[in-house]
Amino acid sequence: MMKRLSLIVLSVAALTACGEKAQTLGTKKDATAFSGAENAFVAPGWTAGDKTSWEQHLRARGQYGMNDHSRAP
């Protein structure tokens, strides 16, 4: 009787470990990158929601601010 009960408990535990929940992200809609934030930490001259100013600032940052190859040693 005890062996049968432990076998049933072990079987149930093994079968519940096989069940996997769906890994969906939900229905949240992400905002575009250029919509940005409207606070004190945004770059001066950039307006939130303006795609062209976003692209210009990224281009300038890539050329001048964050490009290690163009920096002097």
N, C-alpha and C. Protein backbone atom coordinates (compact mmCIF):
# COMPACT_ATOMS: atom_id res chain seq x y z
N MET A 1 0.83 -1.20 0.00
CA MET A 1 0.00 0.00 0.00
C MET A 1 0.87 1.26 0.00
N MET A 2 1.89 1.30 0.83
CA MET A 2 2.75 2.47 0.93
C MET A 2 3.57 2.67 -0.33
N LYS A 3 4.03 1.56 -0.94
CA LYS A 3 4.79 1.67 -2.19
C LYS A 3 3.92 2.22 -3.30
N ARG A 4 2.68 1.77 -3.33
CA ARG A 4 1.75 2.22 -4.37
C ARG A 4 1.46 3.72 -4.21
N LEU A 5 1.28 4.17 -2.99
CA LEU A 5 1.02 5.58 -2.73
C LEU A 5 2.23 6.43 -3.10
N SER A 6 3.42 5.98 -2.74
CA SER A 6 4.61 6.75 -3.08
C SER A 6 4.84 6.75 -4.60
N LEU A 7 4.48 5.67 -5.28
CA LEU A 7 4.60 5.62 -6.74
C LEU A 7 3.61 6.59 -7.39
N ILE A 8 2.42 6.69 -6.85
CA ILE A 8 1.42 7.64 -7.38
C ILE A 8 1.89 9.08 -7.16
N VAL A 9 2.39 9.38 -5.97
CA VAL A 9 2.87 10.72 -5.67
C VAL A 9 4.06 11.08 -6.56
N LEU A 10 4.97 10.14 -6.76
CA LEU A 10 6.11 10.37 -7.62
C LEU A 10 5.68 10.58 -9.07
N SER A 11 4.71 9.83 -9.54
CA SER A 11 4.20 9.97 -10.90
C SER A 11 3.53 11.33 -11.10
N VAL A 12 2.74 11.74 -10.15
CA VAL A 12 2.07 13.03 -10.25
C VAL A 12 3.09 14.16 -10.24
N ALA A 13 4.10 14.05 -9.39
CA ALA A 13 5.14 15.09 -9.33
C ALA A 13 5.92 15.14 -10.65
N ALA A 14 6.20 14.00 -11.24
CA ALA A 14 6.93 13.96 -12.51
C ALA A 14 6.10 14.54 -13.64
N LEU A 15 4.81 14.29 -13.65
CA LEU A 15 3.96 14.80 -14.72
C LEU A 15 3.70 16.29 -14.59
N THR A 16 3.65 16.79 -13.38
CA THR A 16 3.44 18.24 -13.23
C THR A 16 4.69 19.01 -13.62
N ALA A 17 5.85 18.41 -13.51
CA ALA A 17 7.08 19.08 -13.92
C ALA A 17 7.15 19.19 -15.44
N CYS A 18 6.44 18.36 -16.16
CA CYS A 18 6.47 18.40 -17.62
C CYS A 18 5.57 19.50 -18.19
N GLY A 19 4.62 19.97 -17.43
CA GLY A 19 3.73 21.01 -17.92
C GLY A 19 4.43 22.35 -18.00
N GLU A 20 4.28 23.04 -19.11
CA GLU A 20 4.93 24.34 -19.27
C GLU A 20 3.89 25.37 -19.67
N LYS A 21 3.96 26.51 -19.04
CA LYS A 21 3.04 27.58 -19.36
C LYS A 21 3.49 28.29 -20.63
N ALA A 22 2.58 28.90 -21.31
CA ALA A 22 2.91 29.67 -22.51
C ALA A 22 3.74 30.88 -22.13
N GLN A 23 4.75 31.18 -22.94
CA GLN A 23 5.66 32.28 -22.65
C GLN A 23 5.39 33.44 -23.59
N THR A 24 4.21 33.97 -23.52
CA THR A 24 3.85 35.10 -24.36
C THR A 24 4.16 36.40 -23.64
N LEU A 25 4.42 37.43 -24.40
CA LEU A 25 4.76 38.71 -23.81
C LEU A 25 3.54 39.53 -23.44
N GLY A 26 2.41 39.14 -23.88
CA GLY A 26 1.21 39.88 -23.57
C GLY A 26 0.81 40.78 -24.71
N THR A 27 -0.02 41.74 -24.42
CA THR A 27 -0.54 42.61 -25.46
C THR A 27 0.02 44.02 -25.36
N LYS A 28 1.10 44.20 -24.62
CA LYS A 28 1.68 45.54 -24.45
C LYS A 28 2.27 46.01 -25.78
N LYS A 29 1.95 47.20 -26.16
CA LYS A 29 2.49 47.79 -27.38
C LYS A 29 3.66 48.68 -27.00
N ASP A 30 4.83 48.38 -27.53
CA ASP A 30 6.01 49.19 -27.24
C ASP A 30 6.00 50.45 -28.07
N ALA A 31 6.52 51.49 -27.51
CA ALA A 31 6.62 52.77 -28.21
C ALA A 31 7.87 52.77 -29.10
N THR A 32 7.88 53.61 -30.08
CA THR A 32 9.04 53.73 -30.94
C THR A 32 10.18 54.39 -30.17
N ALA A 33 11.40 54.16 -30.63
CA ALA A 33 12.56 54.68 -29.91
C ALA A 33 12.61 56.20 -29.94
N PHE A 34 12.17 56.79 -31.02
CA PHE A 34 12.27 58.24 -31.14
C PHE A 34 11.17 58.98 -30.40
N SER A 35 10.17 58.25 -29.87
CA SER A 35 9.13 58.95 -29.10
C SER A 35 9.69 59.44 -27.77
N GLY A 36 10.62 58.69 -27.19
CA GLY A 36 11.43 59.13 -26.06
C GLY A 36 10.69 59.62 -24.84
N ALA A 37 11.46 60.24 -23.99
CA ALA A 37 10.93 60.77 -22.74
C ALA A 37 10.95 62.29 -22.80
N GLU A 38 10.13 62.87 -22.02
CA GLU A 38 10.09 64.33 -21.94
C GLU A 38 10.48 64.73 -20.53
N ASN A 39 11.79 64.74 -20.28
CA ASN A 39 12.28 65.13 -18.97
C ASN A 39 13.61 65.86 -19.13
N ALA A 40 14.29 66.10 -18.04
CA ALA A 40 15.52 66.90 -18.06
C ALA A 40 16.73 66.13 -18.58
N PHE A 41 16.60 64.84 -18.83
CA PHE A 41 17.75 64.03 -19.20
C PHE A 41 17.88 63.81 -20.70
N VAL A 42 17.05 64.41 -21.49
CA VAL A 42 17.16 64.25 -22.94
C VAL A 42 18.21 65.22 -23.48
N ALA A 43 18.76 64.89 -24.65
CA ALA A 43 19.79 65.72 -25.26
C ALA A 43 19.20 67.06 -25.69
N PRO A 44 19.93 68.14 -25.50
CA PRO A 44 19.42 69.45 -25.93
C PRO A 44 19.32 69.51 -27.45
N GLY A 45 18.24 70.07 -27.92
CA GLY A 45 18.01 70.17 -29.36
C GLY A 45 17.17 69.05 -29.92
N TRP A 46 16.96 68.00 -29.15
CA TRP A 46 16.15 66.89 -29.62
C TRP A 46 14.74 67.02 -29.07
N THR A 47 13.76 66.88 -29.93
CA THR A 47 12.36 66.95 -29.50
C THR A 47 11.77 65.55 -29.54
N ALA A 48 11.06 65.19 -28.51
CA ALA A 48 10.46 63.86 -28.42
C ALA A 48 9.42 63.70 -29.51
N GLY A 49 9.48 62.58 -30.21
CA GLY A 49 8.53 62.27 -31.27
C GLY A 49 8.98 62.69 -32.65
N ASP A 50 10.10 63.40 -32.77
CA ASP A 50 10.61 63.84 -34.07
C ASP A 50 11.65 62.83 -34.54
N LYS A 51 11.29 62.04 -35.55
CA LYS A 51 12.16 60.97 -36.02
C LYS A 51 13.43 61.51 -36.67
N THR A 52 13.33 62.59 -37.43
CA THR A 52 14.52 63.11 -38.10
C THR A 52 15.53 63.67 -37.11
N SER A 53 15.09 64.36 -36.07
CA SER A 53 16.04 64.87 -35.08
C SER A 53 16.65 63.70 -34.30
N TRP A 54 15.89 62.64 -34.08
CA TRP A 54 16.41 61.45 -33.42
C TRP A 54 17.54 60.84 -34.25
N GLU A 55 17.31 60.71 -35.56
CA GLU A 55 18.33 60.13 -36.43
C GLU A 55 19.57 61.02 -36.52
N GLN A 56 19.38 62.33 -36.55
CA GLN A 56 20.52 63.25 -36.60
C GLN A 56 21.36 63.16 -35.32
N HIS A 57 20.70 63.06 -34.19
CA HIS A 57 21.44 62.95 -32.93
C HIS A 57 22.17 61.61 -32.82
N LEU A 58 21.57 60.55 -33.31
CA LEU A 58 22.25 59.26 -33.31
C LEU A 58 23.47 59.29 -34.21
N ARG A 59 23.33 59.88 -35.37
CA ARG A 59 24.44 59.98 -36.31
C ARG A 59 25.58 60.80 -35.71
N ALA A 60 25.25 61.93 -35.10
CA ALA A 60 26.27 62.78 -34.49
C ALA A 60 26.94 62.07 -33.31
N ARG A 61 26.16 61.36 -32.53
CA ARG A 61 26.73 60.64 -31.39
C ARG A 61 27.66 59.53 -31.86
N GLY A 62 27.30 58.86 -32.93
CA GLY A 62 28.16 57.81 -33.47
C GLY A 62 29.43 58.35 -34.07
N GLN A 63 29.40 59.53 -34.63
CA GLN A 63 30.59 60.10 -35.26
C GLN A 63 31.52 60.77 -34.27
N TYR A 64 30.97 61.48 -33.30
CA TYR A 64 31.81 62.32 -32.45
C TYR A 64 31.93 61.82 -31.02
N GLY A 65 30.82 61.44 -30.44
CA GLY A 65 30.86 61.14 -29.02
C GLY A 65 31.24 59.72 -28.66
N MET A 66 30.81 58.74 -29.45
CA MET A 66 30.97 57.36 -29.04
C MET A 66 31.89 56.57 -29.97
N ASN A 67 32.63 57.21 -30.84
CA ASN A 67 33.49 56.52 -31.79
C ASN A 67 34.91 56.50 -31.25
N ASP A 68 35.38 55.35 -30.80
CA ASP A 68 36.72 55.24 -30.23
C ASP A 68 37.80 55.38 -31.29
N HIS A 69 37.49 55.09 -32.53
CA HIS A 69 38.50 55.17 -33.59
C HIS A 69 38.87 56.60 -33.93
N SER A 70 37.97 57.54 -33.70
CA SER A 70 38.26 58.92 -34.04
C SER A 70 38.88 59.70 -32.87
N ARG A 71 38.98 59.09 -31.71
CA ARG A 71 39.54 59.76 -30.54
C ARG A 71 41.07 59.75 -30.59
N ALA A 72 41.66 60.78 -30.07
CA ALA A 72 43.12 60.84 -29.98
C ALA A 72 43.57 60.05 -28.76
N PRO A 73 44.69 59.34 -28.85
CA PRO A 73 45.16 58.53 -27.69
C PRO A 73 45.66 59.35 -26.54
